[in-house]
All heavy atoms as atom14 arrays in JSON, in Angstrom:
{
  "sequence": "GELQDLGIYSFFKGLYFSADYEISKPDPGFFRILLDREGLQCSDCIM",
  "atom14_mask": [
    [1, 1, 1, 1, 0, 0, 0, 0, 0, 0, 0, 0, 0, 0],
    [1, 1, 1, 1, 1, 1, 1, 1, 1, 0, 0, 0, 0, 0],
    [1, 1, 1, 1, 1, 1, 1, 1, 0, 0, 0, 0, 0, 0],
    [1, 1, 1, 1, 1, 1, 1, 1, 1, 0, 0, 0, 0, 0],
    [1, 1, 1, 1, 1, 1, 1, 1, 0, 0, 0, 0, 0, 0],
    [1, 1, 1, 1, 1, 1, 1, 1, 0, 0, 0, 0, 0, 0],
    [1, 1, 1, 1, 0, 0, 0, 0, 0, 0, 0, 0, 0, 0],
    [1, 1, 1, 1, 1, 1, 1, 1, 0, 0, 0, 0, 0, 0],
    [1, 1, 1, 1, 1, 1, 1, 1, 1, 1, 1, 1, 0, 0],
    [1, 1, 1, 1, 1, 1, 0, 0, 0, 0, 0, 0, 0, 0],
    [1, 1, 1, 1, 1, 1, 1, 1, 1, 1, 1, 0, 0, 0],
    [1, 1, 1, 1, 1, 1, 1, 1, 1, 1, 1, 0, 0, 0],
    [1, 1, 1, 1, 1, 1, 1, 1, 1, 0, 0, 0, 0, 0],
    [1, 1, 1, 1, 0, 0, 0, 0, 0, 0, 0, 0, 0, 0],
    [1, 1, 1, 1, 1, 1, 1, 1, 0, 0, 0, 0, 0, 0],
    [1, 1, 1, 1, 1, 1, 1, 1, 1, 1, 1, 1, 0, 0],
    [1, 1, 1, 1, 1, 1, 1, 1, 1, 1, 1, 0, 0, 0],
    [1, 1, 1, 1, 1, 1, 0, 0, 0, 0, 0, 0, 0, 0],
    [1, 1, 1, 1, 1, 0, 0, 0, 0, 0, 0, 0, 0, 0],
    [1, 1, 1, 1, 1, 1, 1, 1, 0, 0, 0, 0, 0, 0],
    [1, 1, 1, 1, 1, 1, 1, 1, 1, 1, 1, 1, 0, 0],
    [1, 1, 1, 1, 1, 1, 1, 1, 1, 0, 0, 0, 0, 0],
    [1, 1, 1, 1, 1, 1, 1, 1, 0, 0, 0, 0, 0, 0],
    [1, 1, 1, 1, 1, 1, 0, 0, 0, 0, 0, 0, 0, 0],
    [1, 1, 1, 1, 1, 1, 1, 1, 1, 0, 0, 0, 0, 0],
    [1, 1, 1, 1, 1, 1, 1, 0, 0, 0, 0, 0, 0, 0],
    [1, 1, 1, 1, 1, 1, 1, 1, 0, 0, 0, 0, 0, 0],
    [1, 1, 1, 1, 1, 1, 1, 0, 0, 0, 0, 0, 0, 0],
    [1, 1, 1, 1, 0, 0, 0, 0, 0, 0, 0, 0, 0, 0],
    [1, 1, 1, 1, 1, 1, 1, 1, 1, 1, 1, 0, 0, 0],
    [1, 1, 1, 1, 1, 1, 1, 1, 1, 1, 1, 0, 0, 0],
    [1, 1, 1, 1, 1, 1, 1, 1, 1, 1, 1, 0, 0, 0],
    [1, 1, 1, 1, 1, 1, 1, 1, 0, 0, 0, 0, 0, 0],
    [1, 1, 1, 1, 1, 1, 1, 1, 0, 0, 0, 0, 0, 0],
    [1, 1, 1, 1, 1, 1, 1, 1, 0, 0, 0, 0, 0, 0],
    [1, 1, 1, 1, 1, 1, 1, 1, 0, 0, 0, 0, 0, 0],
    [1, 1, 1, 1, 1, 1, 1, 1, 1, 1, 1, 0, 0, 0],
    [1, 1, 1, 1, 1, 1, 1, 1, 1, 0, 0, 0, 0, 0],
    [1, 1, 1, 1, 0, 0, 0, 0, 0, 0, 0, 0, 0, 0],
    [1, 1, 1, 1, 1, 1, 1, 1, 0, 0, 0, 0, 0, 0],
    [1, 1, 1, 1, 1, 1, 1, 1, 1, 0, 0, 0, 0, 0],
    [1, 1, 1, 1, 1, 1, 0, 0, 0, 0, 0, 0, 0, 0],
    [1, 1, 1, 1, 1, 1, 0, 0, 0, 0, 0, 0, 0, 0],
    [1, 1, 1, 1, 1, 1, 1, 1, 0, 0, 0, 0, 0, 0],
    [1, 1, 1, 1, 1, 1, 0, 0, 0, 0, 0, 0, 0, 0],
    [1, 1, 1, 1, 1, 1, 1, 1, 0, 0, 0, 0, 0, 0],
    [1, 1, 1, 1, 1, 1, 1, 1, 0, 0, 0, 0, 0, 0]
  ],
  "atom14_positions": [
    [[161.57, 92.02, 93.5], [162.66, 92.98, 93.53], [162.75, 93.7, 94.86], [163.86, 93.98, 95.36], [0.0, 0.0, 0.0], [0.0, 0.0, 0.0], [0.0, 0.0, 0.0], [0.0, 0.0, 0.0], [0.0, 0.0, 0.0], [0.0, 0.0, 0.0], [0.0, 0.0, 0.0], [0.0, 0.0, 0.0], [0.0, 0.0, 0.0], [0.0, 0.0, 0.0]],
    [[161.6, 94.0, 95.46], [161.61, 94.69, 96.75], [162.15, 93.78, 97.85], [162.9, 94.23, 98.73], [160.21, 95.19, 97.07], [159.79, 96.34, 96.16], [158.33, 96.7, 96.2], [157.54, 95.96, 96.83], [157.97, 97.73, 95.6], [0.0, 0.0, 0.0], [0.0, 0.0, 0.0], [0.0, 0.0, 0.0], [0.0, 0.0, 0.0], [0.0, 0.0, 0.0]],
    [[161.79, 92.51, 97.82], [162.33, 91.55, 98.78], [163.85, 91.44, 98.64], [164.58, 91.36, 99.64], [161.69, 90.18, 98.58], [160.23, 90.05, 99.02], [159.62, 88.78, 98.46], [160.12, 90.05, 100.54], [0.0, 0.0, 0.0], [0.0, 0.0, 0.0], [0.0, 0.0, 0.0], [0.0, 0.0, 0.0], [0.0, 0.0, 0.0], [0.0, 0.0, 0.0]],
    [[164.33, 91.45, 97.4], [165.77, 91.4, 97.17], [166.45, 92.68, 97.63], [167.49, 92.64, 98.32], [166.04, 91.14, 95.69], [165.63, 89.76, 95.22], [165.57, 89.62, 93.71], [165.64, 90.61, 92.98], [165.42, 88.4, 93.23], [0.0, 0.0, 0.0], [0.0, 0.0, 0.0], [0.0, 0.0, 0.0], [0.0, 0.0, 0.0], [0.0, 0.0, 0.0]],
    [[165.87, 93.82, 97.29], [166.46, 95.1, 97.67], [166.54, 95.25, 99.19], [167.49, 95.87, 99.71], [165.65, 96.26, 97.09], [165.72, 96.35, 95.58], [166.63, 95.73, 94.99], [164.85, 97.03, 94.98], [0.0, 0.0, 0.0], [0.0, 0.0, 0.0], [0.0, 0.0, 0.0], [0.0, 0.0, 0.0], [0.0, 0.0, 0.0], [0.0, 0.0, 0.0]],
    [[165.56, 94.69, 99.9], [165.51, 94.81, 101.35], [166.28, 93.69, 102.06], [166.33, 93.65, 103.29], [164.06, 94.83, 101.83], [163.28, 96.09, 101.43], [161.78, 95.89, 101.68], [163.78, 97.32, 102.17], [0.0, 0.0, 0.0], [0.0, 0.0, 0.0], [0.0, 0.0, 0.0], [0.0, 0.0, 0.0], [0.0, 0.0, 0.0], [0.0, 0.0, 0.0]],
    [[166.86, 92.78, 101.29], [167.74, 91.76, 101.84], [167.06, 90.6, 102.55], [167.68, 89.94, 103.38], [0.0, 0.0, 0.0], [0.0, 0.0, 0.0], [0.0, 0.0, 0.0], [0.0, 0.0, 0.0], [0.0, 0.0, 0.0], [0.0, 0.0, 0.0], [0.0, 0.0, 0.0], [0.0, 0.0, 0.0], [0.0, 0.0, 0.0], [0.0, 0.0, 0.0]],
    [[165.8, 90.28, 102.19], [165.12, 89.18, 102.88], [164.59, 88.11, 101.91], [163.94, 87.15, 102.35], [163.96, 89.7, 103.77], [162.9, 90.43, 102.94], [164.51, 90.6, 104.88], [161.65, 90.8, 103.76], [0.0, 0.0, 0.0], [0.0, 0.0, 0.0], [0.0, 0.0, 0.0], [0.0, 0.0, 0.0], [0.0, 0.0, 0.0], [0.0, 0.0, 0.0]],
    [[164.86, 88.25, 100.65], [164.34, 87.33, 99.63], [164.73, 85.88, 99.92], [163.91, 84.95, 99.8], [164.85, 87.74, 98.25], [164.41, 86.87, 97.11], [163.23, 87.13, 96.43], [165.19, 85.79, 96.68], [162.82, 86.34, 95.36], [164.78, 84.99, 95.61], [163.6, 85.27, 94.96], [163.2, 84.48, 93.91], [0.0, 0.0, 0.0], [0.0, 0.0, 0.0]],
    [[165.98, 85.66, 100.31], [166.5, 84.3, 100.45], [165.92, 83.53, 101.63], [166.11, 82.31, 101.72], [168.03, 84.36, 100.58], [168.41, 85.06, 101.76], [0.0, 0.0, 0.0], [0.0, 0.0, 0.0], [0.0, 0.0, 0.0], [0.0, 0.0, 0.0], [0.0, 0.0, 0.0], [0.0, 0.0, 0.0], [0.0, 0.0, 0.0], [0.0, 0.0, 0.0]],
    [[165.22, 84.18, 102.53], [164.66, 83.49, 103.69], [163.45, 82.62, 103.34], [163.11, 81.71, 104.1], [164.22, 84.5, 104.76], [165.36, 85.15, 105.51], [165.64, 86.49, 105.33], [166.16, 84.41, 106.37], [166.69, 87.1, 106.02], [167.2, 85.0, 107.06], [167.46, 86.34, 106.89], [0.0, 0.0, 0.0], [0.0, 0.0, 0.0], [0.0, 0.0, 0.0]],
    [[162.83, 82.86, 102.2], [161.53, 82.25, 101.92], [161.65, 81.03, 101.0], [162.35, 81.06, 99.99], [160.59, 83.29, 101.33], [160.32, 84.42, 102.29], [161.01, 85.62, 102.18], [159.42, 84.25, 103.32], [160.8, 86.64, 103.07], [159.2, 85.28, 104.23], [159.9, 86.48, 104.11], [0.0, 0.0, 0.0], [0.0, 0.0, 0.0], [0.0, 0.0, 0.0]],
    [[160.9, 79.98, 101.38], [160.88, 78.75, 100.59], [159.9, 78.85, 99.44], [160.01, 78.09, 98.46], [160.5, 77.57, 101.49], [161.47, 77.3, 102.62], [162.84, 76.93, 102.1], [163.77, 76.57, 103.26], [165.14, 76.26, 102.77], [0.0, 0.0, 0.0], [0.0, 0.0, 0.0], [0.0, 0.0, 0.0], [0.0, 0.0, 0.0], [0.0, 0.0, 0.0]],
    [[158.94, 79.74, 99.54], [157.96, 79.9, 98.47], [157.31, 81.26, 98.54], [157.05, 81.79, 99.63], [0.0, 0.0, 0.0], [0.0, 0.0, 0.0], [0.0, 0.0, 0.0], [0.0, 0.0, 0.0], [0.0, 0.0, 0.0], [0.0, 0.0, 0.0], [0.0, 0.0, 0.0], [0.0, 0.0, 0.0], [0.0, 0.0, 0.0], [0.0, 0.0, 0.0]],
    [[157.06, 81.84, 97.37], [156.43, 83.16, 97.26], [155.15, 83.0, 96.44], [155.21, 82.59, 95.27], [157.37, 84.15, 96.56], [158.76, 84.35, 97.19], [159.62, 85.22, 96.28], [158.66, 84.95, 98.57], [0.0, 0.0, 0.0], [0.0, 0.0, 0.0], [0.0, 0.0, 0.0], [0.0, 0.0, 0.0], [0.0, 0.0, 0.0], [0.0, 0.0, 0.0]],
    [[154.02, 83.37, 97.03], [152.73, 83.23, 96.37], [152.05, 84.6, 96.3], [151.78, 85.22, 97.33], [151.86, 82.22, 97.12], [152.39, 80.81, 97.0], [153.44, 80.38, 97.8], [151.87, 79.94, 96.05], [153.95, 79.09, 97.67], [152.37, 78.65, 95.91], [153.41, 78.23, 96.72], [153.93, 76.96, 96.58], [0.0, 0.0, 0.0], [0.0, 0.0, 0.0]],
    [[151.82, 85.05, 95.06], [151.23, 86.36, 94.83], [149.89, 86.21, 94.11], [149.77, 85.46, 93.13], [152.18, 87.24, 94.01], [153.49, 87.49, 94.71], [154.63, 86.79, 94.35], [153.56, 88.4, 95.76], [155.83, 87.0, 95.0], [154.76, 88.62, 96.42], [155.9, 87.92, 96.05], [0.0, 0.0, 0.0], [0.0, 0.0, 0.0], [0.0, 0.0, 0.0]],
    [[148.92, 86.95, 94.59], [147.55, 86.8, 94.1], [147.43, 87.02, 92.6], [146.64, 86.35, 91.93], [146.62, 87.75, 94.85], [147.06, 89.1, 94.72], [0.0, 0.0, 0.0], [0.0, 0.0, 0.0], [0.0, 0.0, 0.0], [0.0, 0.0, 0.0], [0.0, 0.0, 0.0], [0.0, 0.0, 0.0], [0.0, 0.0, 0.0], [0.0, 0.0, 0.0]],
    [[148.19, 87.98, 92.07], [148.07, 88.29, 90.65], [148.44, 87.1, 89.76], [147.88, 86.94, 88.67], [148.95, 89.49, 90.3], [0.0, 0.0, 0.0], [0.0, 0.0, 0.0], [0.0, 0.0, 0.0], [0.0, 0.0, 0.0], [0.0, 0.0, 0.0], [0.0, 0.0, 0.0], [0.0, 0.0, 0.0], [0.0, 0.0, 0.0], [0.0, 0.0, 0.0]],
    [[149.36, 86.25, 90.24], [149.75, 85.07, 89.45], [148.6, 84.11, 89.25], [148.52, 83.4, 88.24], [150.9, 84.33, 90.14], [152.21, 85.08, 90.1], [152.33, 86.05, 89.32], [153.13, 84.7, 90.85], [0.0, 0.0, 0.0], [0.0, 0.0, 0.0], [0.0, 0.0, 0.0], [0.0, 0.0, 0.0], [0.0, 0.0, 0.0], [0.0, 0.0, 0.0]],
    [[147.71, 84.05, 90.24], [146.61, 83.08, 90.23], [145.25, 83.73, 90.01], [144.23, 83.04, 89.96], [146.62, 82.3, 91.55], [147.96, 81.68, 91.84], [148.87, 82.3, 92.7], [148.36, 80.51, 91.22], [150.11, 81.76, 92.95], [149.6, 79.95, 91.46], [150.48, 80.59, 92.33], [151.73, 80.05, 92.56], [0.0, 0.0, 0.0], [0.0, 0.0, 0.0]],
    [[145.24, 85.05, 89.9], [144.02, 85.84, 89.69], [142.99, 85.6, 90.79], [141.78, 85.64, 90.56], [143.42, 85.53, 88.3], [144.37, 85.87, 87.17], [143.77, 85.62, 85.79], [142.87, 84.76, 85.68], [144.19, 86.29, 84.84], [0.0, 0.0, 0.0], [0.0, 0.0, 0.0], [0.0, 0.0, 0.0], [0.0, 0.0, 0.0], [0.0, 0.0, 0.0]],
    [[143.49, 85.37, 92.0], [142.63, 85.11, 93.15], [143.34, 85.66, 94.39], [144.54, 85.5, 94.54], [142.34, 83.6, 93.29], [141.39, 83.32, 94.43], [143.62, 82.79, 93.43], [140.95, 81.86, 94.5], [0.0, 0.0, 0.0], [0.0, 0.0, 0.0], [0.0, 0.0, 0.0], [0.0, 0.0, 0.0], [0.0, 0.0, 0.0], [0.0, 0.0, 0.0]],
    [[142.58, 86.32, 95.25], [143.17, 87.03, 96.38], [142.67, 86.49, 97.72], [141.61, 85.85, 97.79], [142.82, 88.52, 96.31], [143.27, 89.12, 95.11], [0.0, 0.0, 0.0], [0.0, 0.0, 0.0], [0.0, 0.0, 0.0], [0.0, 0.0, 0.0], [0.0, 0.0, 0.0], [0.0, 0.0, 0.0], [0.0, 0.0, 0.0], [0.0, 0.0, 0.0]],
    [[143.44, 86.75, 98.78], [142.91, 86.57, 100.13], [141.72, 87.5, 100.3], [141.74, 88.6, 99.76], [143.99, 86.93, 101.17], [145.23, 86.05, 101.14], [146.29, 86.55, 102.12], [146.92, 87.85, 101.65], [148.02, 88.32, 102.53], [0.0, 0.0, 0.0], [0.0, 0.0, 0.0], [0.0, 0.0, 0.0], [0.0, 0.0, 0.0], [0.0, 0.0, 0.0]],
    [[140.67, 87.09, 100.98], [140.57, 85.93, 101.87], [140.04, 84.65, 101.23], [139.67, 83.72, 101.97], [139.56, 86.43, 102.91], [138.6, 87.25, 102.1], [139.48, 87.96, 101.09], [0.0, 0.0, 0.0], [0.0, 0.0, 0.0], [0.0, 0.0, 0.0], [0.0, 0.0, 0.0], [0.0, 0.0, 0.0], [0.0, 0.0, 0.0], [0.0, 0.0, 0.0]],
    [[139.98, 84.57, 99.92], [139.46, 83.35, 99.28], [140.28, 82.16, 99.77], [141.51, 82.13, 99.6], [139.57, 83.49, 97.76], [138.76, 82.43, 97.04], [138.84, 81.24, 97.44], [138.07, 82.75, 96.06], [0.0, 0.0, 0.0], [0.0, 0.0, 0.0], [0.0, 0.0, 0.0], [0.0, 0.0, 0.0], [0.0, 0.0, 0.0], [0.0, 0.0, 0.0]],
    [[139.63, 81.17, 100.37], [140.38, 80.01, 100.85], [141.1, 79.27, 99.72], [142.08, 78.56, 99.97], [139.32, 79.13, 101.51], [138.01, 79.61, 100.97], [138.2, 81.07, 100.7], [0.0, 0.0, 0.0], [0.0, 0.0, 0.0], [0.0, 0.0, 0.0], [0.0, 0.0, 0.0], [0.0, 0.0, 0.0], [0.0, 0.0, 0.0], [0.0, 0.0, 0.0]],
    [[140.63, 79.46, 98.49], [141.29, 78.82, 97.36], [142.72, 79.27, 97.2], [143.59, 78.48, 96.77], [0.0, 0.0, 0.0], [0.0, 0.0, 0.0], [0.0, 0.0, 0.0], [0.0, 0.0, 0.0], [0.0, 0.0, 0.0], [0.0, 0.0, 0.0], [0.0, 0.0, 0.0], [0.0, 0.0, 0.0], [0.0, 0.0, 0.0], [0.0, 0.0, 0.0]],
    [[143.01, 80.53, 97.52], [144.38, 81.04, 97.42], [145.26, 80.37, 98.47], [146.4, 79.97, 98.2], [144.37, 82.55, 97.57], [145.69, 83.23, 97.29], [146.63, 82.66, 96.45], [145.99, 84.45, 97.87], [147.85, 83.29, 96.2], [147.19, 85.1, 97.63], [148.12, 84.51, 96.79], [0.0, 0.0, 0.0], [0.0, 0.0, 0.0], [0.0, 0.0, 0.0]],
    [[144.73, 80.22, 99.67], [145.47, 79.53, 100.73], [145.73, 78.08, 100.33], [146.83, 77.55, 100.56], [144.69, 79.57, 102.04], [144.71, 80.89, 102.75], [143.93, 81.95, 102.3], [145.49, 81.08, 103.87], [143.94, 83.18, 102.95], [145.51, 82.3, 104.54], [144.74, 83.35, 104.07], [0.0, 0.0, 0.0], [0.0, 0.0, 0.0], [0.0, 0.0, 0.0]],
    [[144.73, 77.44, 99.72], [144.89, 76.03, 99.37], [145.92, 75.83, 98.27], [146.54, 74.77, 98.18], [143.53, 75.45, 98.96], [142.54, 75.37, 100.12], [141.3, 74.57, 99.76], [140.3, 74.63, 100.82], [139.2, 75.36, 100.76], [138.93, 76.07, 99.66], [138.35, 75.38, 101.78], [0.0, 0.0, 0.0], [0.0, 0.0, 0.0], [0.0, 0.0, 0.0]],
    [[146.08, 76.82, 97.4], [147.12, 76.7, 96.38], [148.48, 76.53, 97.05], [149.26, 75.64, 96.69], [147.12, 77.95, 95.47], [145.89, 77.93, 94.56], [148.41, 78.0, 94.62], [145.69, 79.22, 93.77], [0.0, 0.0, 0.0], [0.0, 0.0, 0.0], [0.0, 0.0, 0.0], [0.0, 0.0, 0.0], [0.0, 0.0, 0.0], [0.0, 0.0, 0.0]],
    [[148.77, 77.37, 98.03], [150.04, 77.25, 98.76], [150.12, 75.92, 99.5], [151.14, 75.21, 99.41], [150.19, 78.42, 99.74], [151.52, 78.56, 100.49], [151.73, 80.01, 100.94], [151.61, 77.64, 101.71], [0.0, 0.0, 0.0], [0.0, 0.0, 0.0], [0.0, 0.0, 0.0], [0.0, 0.0, 0.0], [0.0, 0.0, 0.0], [0.0, 0.0, 0.0]],
    [[149.08, 75.58, 100.23], [149.09, 74.34, 101.01], [149.29, 73.12, 100.12], [150.1, 72.23, 100.44], [147.78, 74.21, 101.79], [147.54, 75.25, 102.89], [146.09, 75.18, 103.38], [148.5, 75.06, 104.05], [0.0, 0.0, 0.0], [0.0, 0.0, 0.0], [0.0, 0.0, 0.0], [0.0, 0.0, 0.0], [0.0, 0.0, 0.0], [0.0, 0.0, 0.0]],
    [[148.58, 73.07, 99.01], [148.68, 71.91, 98.12], [150.03, 71.83, 97.44], [150.64, 70.75, 97.36], [147.57, 71.97, 97.07], [146.18, 71.76, 97.66], [146.09, 71.31, 98.82], [145.19, 72.06, 96.96], [0.0, 0.0, 0.0], [0.0, 0.0, 0.0], [0.0, 0.0, 0.0], [0.0, 0.0, 0.0], [0.0, 0.0, 0.0], [0.0, 0.0, 0.0]],
    [[150.53, 72.95, 96.96], [151.8, 72.93, 96.23], [152.99, 72.65, 97.14], [153.99, 72.08, 96.7], [152.01, 74.24, 95.48], [150.97, 74.46, 94.39], [151.36, 75.53, 93.41], [150.38, 75.61, 92.34], [150.57, 76.28, 91.21], [151.69, 76.95, 91.02], [149.63, 76.3, 90.28], [0.0, 0.0, 0.0], [0.0, 0.0, 0.0], [0.0, 0.0, 0.0]],
    [[152.88, 73.04, 98.39], [153.98, 72.81, 99.33], [153.78, 71.56, 100.17], [154.66, 71.18, 100.95], [154.14, 74.03, 100.25], [154.43, 75.33, 99.52], [155.76, 75.36, 98.81], [156.64, 74.53, 99.16], [155.94, 76.19, 97.89], [0.0, 0.0, 0.0], [0.0, 0.0, 0.0], [0.0, 0.0, 0.0], [0.0, 0.0, 0.0], [0.0, 0.0, 0.0]],
    [[152.64, 70.9, 100.02], [152.35, 69.69, 100.77], [152.22, 69.93, 102.26], [152.72, 69.14, 103.08], [0.0, 0.0, 0.0], [0.0, 0.0, 0.0], [0.0, 0.0, 0.0], [0.0, 0.0, 0.0], [0.0, 0.0, 0.0], [0.0, 0.0, 0.0], [0.0, 0.0, 0.0], [0.0, 0.0, 0.0], [0.0, 0.0, 0.0], [0.0, 0.0, 0.0]],
    [[151.53, 71.0, 102.65], [151.43, 71.39, 104.05], [150.05, 71.07, 104.62], [149.06, 71.03, 103.91], [151.67, 72.9, 104.19], [152.97, 73.46, 103.58], [153.06, 74.96, 103.83], [154.18, 72.73, 104.12], [0.0, 0.0, 0.0], [0.0, 0.0, 0.0], [0.0, 0.0, 0.0], [0.0, 0.0, 0.0], [0.0, 0.0, 0.0], [0.0, 0.0, 0.0]],
    [[150.04, 70.87, 105.95], [148.8, 70.69, 106.69], [148.53, 71.95, 107.51], [149.44, 72.52, 108.12], [148.91, 69.48, 107.62], [149.14, 68.16, 106.9], [147.99, 67.79, 105.98], [146.82, 67.95, 106.36], [148.31, 67.28, 104.8], [0.0, 0.0, 0.0], [0.0, 0.0, 0.0], [0.0, 0.0, 0.0], [0.0, 0.0, 0.0], [0.0, 0.0, 0.0]],
    [[147.27, 72.38, 107.56], [146.93, 73.59, 108.31], [147.37, 73.51, 109.76], [147.76, 74.52, 110.36], [145.43, 73.85, 108.24], [144.86, 74.51, 106.66], [0.0, 0.0, 0.0], [0.0, 0.0, 0.0], [0.0, 0.0, 0.0], [0.0, 0.0, 0.0], [0.0, 0.0, 0.0], [0.0, 0.0, 0.0], [0.0, 0.0, 0.0], [0.0, 0.0, 0.0]],
    [[147.3, 72.33, 110.34], [147.64, 72.17, 111.75], [149.1, 72.48, 112.04], [149.47, 72.72, 113.2], [147.32, 70.74, 112.21], [148.04, 69.8, 111.43], [0.0, 0.0, 0.0], [0.0, 0.0, 0.0], [0.0, 0.0, 0.0], [0.0, 0.0, 0.0], [0.0, 0.0, 0.0], [0.0, 0.0, 0.0], [0.0, 0.0, 0.0], [0.0, 0.0, 0.0]],
    [[149.93, 72.48, 111.0], [151.37, 72.73, 111.17], [151.76, 74.11, 110.64], [152.94, 74.38, 110.45], [152.16, 71.64, 110.45], [153.58, 71.5, 110.99], [153.81, 71.89, 112.15], [154.45, 71.01, 110.25], [0.0, 0.0, 0.0], [0.0, 0.0, 0.0], [0.0, 0.0, 0.0], [0.0, 0.0, 0.0], [0.0, 0.0, 0.0], [0.0, 0.0, 0.0]],
    [[150.76, 74.97, 110.4], [151.0, 76.29, 109.81], [150.36, 77.39, 110.65], [149.38, 77.17, 111.35], [150.41, 76.38, 108.4], [151.06, 75.2, 107.21], [0.0, 0.0, 0.0], [0.0, 0.0, 0.0], [0.0, 0.0, 0.0], [0.0, 0.0, 0.0], [0.0, 0.0, 0.0], [0.0, 0.0, 0.0], [0.0, 0.0, 0.0], [0.0, 0.0, 0.0]],
    [[150.92, 78.58, 110.54], [150.29, 79.77, 111.09], [150.4, 80.89, 110.07], [151.43, 81.04, 109.4], [150.91, 80.2, 112.44], [150.12, 81.37, 113.05], [152.4, 80.53, 112.29], [150.52, 81.69, 114.47], [0.0, 0.0, 0.0], [0.0, 0.0, 0.0], [0.0, 0.0, 0.0], [0.0, 0.0, 0.0], [0.0, 0.0, 0.0], [0.0, 0.0, 0.0]],
    [[149.31, 81.64, 109.92], [149.28, 82.81, 109.03], [149.52, 84.05, 109.87], [148.84, 84.26, 110.89], [147.92, 82.9, 108.33], [147.75, 84.14, 107.44], [148.68, 84.0, 105.9], [149.01, 85.73, 105.54], [0.0, 0.0, 0.0], [0.0, 0.0, 0.0], [0.0, 0.0, 0.0], [0.0, 0.0, 0.0], [0.0, 0.0, 0.0], [0.0, 0.0, 0.0]]
  ]
}
């Protein structure tokens, strides 16, 4: 809702929130959830 209210929601291809997966940064498992689901390689990404 905050992303929508601030007018930037539509820019994002995927939204990953720790509470959905019960795991938070810096656990690499949280990063891998995004990488695996989006089919991304670390070499082509920046955090």
